[in-house]
């Protein structure tokens, strides 16, 4: 379980860094999300495969409250239509960042730097 939590933390930090949103305050939001999901994972050990997507959504929600939408769809932001990418599946293994406007997979969670 700890390995899944650490992997989720590293993947989210990689995405935040790829989009130049990683500062001390944001890292604290990630740490809070991981701590919250640690409790959740202790209650449902079979949910380890879902931790990455859940932590990504938690961080996305926390950033929305504190800073605004993240991560933005770079294709549509350049066209003047800034909207956040969504995590799909919402509860499932192998989560991806998806453009809701087109339904296109942009990158796996943790892979925004390669997208």
C-alpha atoms as a PDB file:
ATOM      1  CA  UNK A   1       0.000   0.000   0.000  1.00  0.00           C
ATOM      2  CA  UNK A   2       2.808   2.415   0.879  1.00  0.00           C
ATOM      3  CA  UNK A   3       4.463   1.721  -2.461  1.00  0.00           C
ATOM      4  CA  UNK A   4       1.244   2.633  -4.295  1.00  0.00           C
ATOM      5  CA  UNK A   5       0.933   5.847  -2.276  1.00  0.00           C
ATOM      6  CA  UNK A   6       4.556   6.816  -2.964  1.00  0.00           C
ATOM      7  CA  UNK A   7       4.131   6.054  -6.656  1.00  0.00           C
ATOM      8  CA  UNK A   8       0.981   8.193  -6.784  1.00  0.00           C
ATOM      9  CA  UNK A   9       2.798  11.047  -5.044  1.00  0.00           C
ATOM     10  CA  UNK A  10       5.708  10.850  -7.492  1.00  0.00           C
ATOM     11  CA  UNK A  11       3.412  10.720 -10.533  1.00  0.00           C
ATOM     12  CA  UNK A  12       1.378  13.730  -9.433  1.00  0.00           C
ATOM     13  CA  UNK A  13       4.526  15.697  -8.622  1.00  0.00           C
ATOM     14  CA  UNK A  14       5.863  14.845 -12.091  1.00  0.00           C
ATOM     15  CA  UNK A  15       2.690  16.199 -13.700  1.00  0.00           C
ATOM     16  CA  UNK A  16       2.758  19.335 -11.559  1.00  0.00           C
ATOM     17  CA  UNK A  17       6.396  19.901 -12.449  1.00  0.00           C
ATOM     18  CA  UNK A  18       5.702  19.316 -16.149  1.00  0.00           C
ATOM     19  CA  UNK A  19       3.119  22.084 -16.064  1.00  0.00           C
ATOM     20  CA  UNK A  20       5.233  24.442 -13.888  1.00  0.00           C
ATOM     21  CA  UNK A  21       2.832  24.357 -10.952  1.00  0.00           C
ATOM     22  CA  UNK A  22       5.058  22.709  -8.364  1.00  0.00           C
ATOM     23  CA  UNK A  23       5.933  24.950  -5.424  1.00  0.00           C
ATOM     24  CA  UNK A  24       6.049  24.347  -1.666  1.00  0.00           C
ATOM     25  CA  UNK A  25       2.362  25.151  -1.168  1.00  0.00           C
ATOM     26  CA  UNK A  26       1.312  22.792  -3.942  1.00  0.00           C
ATOM     27  CA  UNK A  27       3.565  20.030  -2.602  1.00  0.00           C
ATOM     28  CA  UNK A  28       1.750  20.451   0.720  1.00  0.00           C
ATOM     29  CA  UNK A  29      -1.566  19.917  -1.084  1.00  0.00           C
ATOM     30  CA  UNK A  30      -0.166  16.701  -2.556  1.00  0.00           C
ATOM     31  CA  UNK A  31       1.011  15.543   0.858  1.00  0.00           C
ATOM     32  CA  UNK A  32      -2.457  16.245   2.305  1.00  0.00           C
ATOM     33  CA  UNK A  33      -4.090  14.233  -0.485  1.00  0.00           C
ATOM     34  CA  UNK A  34      -1.723  11.307   0.066  1.00  0.00           C
ATOM     35  CA  UNK A  35      -2.362  11.378   3.829  1.00  0.00           C
ATOM     36  CA  UNK A  36      -6.109  11.375   3.244  1.00  0.00           C
ATOM     37  CA  UNK A  37      -5.877   8.451   0.822  1.00  0.00           C
ATOM     38  CA  UNK A  38      -3.612   6.545   3.205  1.00  0.00           C
ATOM     39  CA  UNK A  39      -6.548   6.342   5.613  1.00  0.00           C
ATOM     40  CA  UNK A  40      -8.872   5.374   2.734  1.00  0.00           C
ATOM     41  CA  UNK A  41      -6.476   2.645   1.585  1.00  0.00           C
ATOM     42  CA  UNK A  42      -6.241   1.234   5.091  1.00  0.00           C
ATOM     43  CA  UNK A  43     -10.026   0.841   5.053  1.00  0.00           C
ATOM     44  CA  UNK A  44     -10.042  -0.740   1.578  1.00  0.00           C
ATOM     45  CA  UNK A  45      -6.716  -2.506   0.903  1.00  0.00           C
ATOM     46  CA  UNK A  46      -7.987  -3.916  -2.404  1.00  0.00           C
ATOM     47  CA  UNK A  47      -8.259  -0.349  -3.714  1.00  0.00           C
ATOM     48  CA  UNK A  48      -4.504   0.149  -4.138  1.00  0.00           C
ATOM     49  CA  UNK A  49      -4.851   0.134  -7.938  1.00  0.00           C
ATOM     50  CA  UNK A  50      -7.179   3.124  -7.682  1.00  0.00           C
ATOM     51  CA  UNK A  51      -4.918   5.344  -5.569  1.00  0.00           C
ATOM     52  CA  UNK A  52      -3.189   7.143  -8.442  1.00  0.00           C
ATOM     53  CA  UNK A  53      -6.431   8.380  -9.974  1.00  0.00           C
ATOM     54  CA  UNK A  54      -7.930   9.287  -6.620  1.00  0.00           C
ATOM     55  CA  UNK A  55      -4.885  11.263  -5.492  1.00  0.00           C
ATOM     56  CA  UNK A  56      -4.830  13.035  -8.870  1.00  0.00           C
ATOM     57  CA  UNK A  57      -8.476  14.013  -8.448  1.00  0.00           C
ATOM     58  CA  UNK A  58      -7.899  15.129  -4.854  1.00  0.00           C
ATOM     59  CA  UNK A  59      -5.004  17.363  -5.905  1.00  0.00           C
ATOM     60  CA  UNK A  60      -6.998  18.696  -8.830  1.00  0.00           C
ATOM     61  CA  UNK A  61      -9.870  19.607  -6.468  1.00  0.00           C
ATOM     62  CA  UNK A  62      -7.512  21.237  -3.961  1.00  0.00           C
ATOM     63  CA  UNK A  63      -5.839  23.275  -6.712  1.00  0.00           C
ATOM     64  CA  UNK A  64      -9.223  24.395  -8.041  1.00  0.00           C
ATOM     65  CA  UNK A  65     -10.068  25.851  -4.648  1.00  0.00           C
ATOM     66  CA  UNK A  66      -6.656  27.452  -4.123  1.00  0.00           C
ATOM     67  CA  UNK A  67      -5.395  28.394  -7.596  1.00  0.00           C
ATOM     68  CA  UNK A  68      -7.781  27.508 -10.383  1.00  0.00           C
ATOM     69  CA  UNK A  69      -8.214  24.724 -12.901  1.00  0.00           C
ATOM     70  CA  UNK A  70      -5.359  22.276 -13.399  1.00  0.00           C
ATOM     71  CA  UNK A  71      -4.074  20.753 -15.588  1.00  0.00           C
ATOM     72  CA  UNK A  72      -5.322  22.844 -18.462  1.00  0.00           C
ATOM     73  CA  UNK A  73      -5.862  21.304 -21.860  1.00  0.00           C
ATOM     74  CA  UNK A  74      -3.047  22.974 -23.778  1.00  0.00           C
ATOM     75  CA  UNK A  75      -4.699  22.516 -27.177  1.00  0.00           C
ATOM     76  CA  UNK A  76      -7.874  24.329 -26.253  1.00  0.00           C
ATOM     77  CA  UNK A  77      -6.211  26.862 -23.957  1.00  0.00           C
ATOM     78  CA  UNK A  78      -4.223  28.063 -26.981  1.00  0.00           C
ATOM     79  CA  UNK A  79      -7.551  28.478 -28.805  1.00  0.00           C
ATOM     80  CA  UNK A  80      -8.973  30.611 -25.984  1.00  0.00           C
ATOM     81  CA  UNK A  81     -11.019  27.820 -24.384  1.00  0.00           C
ATOM     82  CA  UNK A  82      -9.162  26.966 -21.172  1.00  0.00           C
ATOM     83  CA  UNK A  83     -10.575  23.929 -19.443  1.00  0.00           C
ATOM     84  CA  UNK A  84      -9.086  21.351 -17.142  1.00  0.00           C
ATOM     85  CA  UNK A  85      -8.290  17.830 -18.171  1.00  0.00           C
ATOM     86  CA  UNK A  86     -10.251  15.138 -16.346  1.00  0.00           C
ATOM     87  CA  UNK A  87      -9.037  11.916 -14.773  1.00  0.00           C
ATOM     88  CA  UNK A  88     -10.583   8.837 -16.366  1.00  0.00           C
ATOM     89  CA  UNK A  89     -11.630   6.402 -15.200  1.00  0.00           C
ATOM     90  CA  UNK A  90     -12.819   8.210 -12.097  1.00  0.00           C
ATOM     91  CA  UNK A  91     -12.401   5.030 -10.075  1.00  0.00           C
ATOM     92  CA  UNK A  92     -10.251   2.471 -11.798  1.00  0.00           C
ATOM     93  CA  UNK A  93      -6.731   1.359 -12.591  1.00  0.00           C
ATOM     94  CA  UNK A  94      -4.446   3.047 -15.141  1.00  0.00           C
ATOM     95  CA  UNK A  95      -5.918   6.568 -14.971  1.00  0.00           C
ATOM     96  CA  UNK A  96      -5.345   9.024 -17.795  1.00  0.00           C
ATOM     97  CA  UNK A  97      -5.730  12.759 -18.307  1.00  0.00           C
ATOM     98  CA  UNK A  98      -8.516  13.244 -20.832  1.00  0.00           C
ATOM     99  CA  UNK A  99      -9.742  16.313 -22.719  1.00  0.00           C
ATOM    100  CA  UNK A 100     -13.452  16.393 -21.926  1.00  0.00           C
ATOM    101  CA  UNK A 101     -14.219  18.531 -24.947  1.00  0.00           C
ATOM    102  CA  UNK A 102     -12.957  15.943 -27.426  1.00  0.00           C
ATOM    103  CA  UNK A 103     -12.822  12.833 -25.243  1.00  0.00           C
ATOM    104  CA  UNK A 104      -9.194  12.379 -26.272  1.00  0.00           C
ATOM    105  CA  UNK A 105      -6.620  10.818 -23.975  1.00  0.00           C
ATOM    106  CA  UNK A 106      -3.808  13.338 -23.465  1.00  0.00           C
ATOM    107  CA  UNK A 107      -1.461  11.331 -21.243  1.00  0.00           C
ATOM    108  CA  UNK A 108      -1.439   8.801 -18.433  1.00  0.00           C
ATOM    109  CA  UNK A 109      -1.495  10.367 -14.992  1.00  0.00           C
ATOM    110  CA  UNK A 110       2.173  10.993 -14.306  1.00  0.00           C
ATOM    111  CA  UNK A 111       2.951  11.397 -17.997  1.00  0.00           C
ATOM    112  CA  UNK A 112       2.114  15.038 -18.765  1.00  0.00           C
ATOM    113  CA  UNK A 113       5.805  15.774 -19.251  1.00  0.00           C
ATOM    114  CA  UNK A 114       5.951  13.373 -22.184  1.00  0.00           C
ATOM    115  CA  UNK A 115       2.671  14.587 -23.742  1.00  0.00           C
END
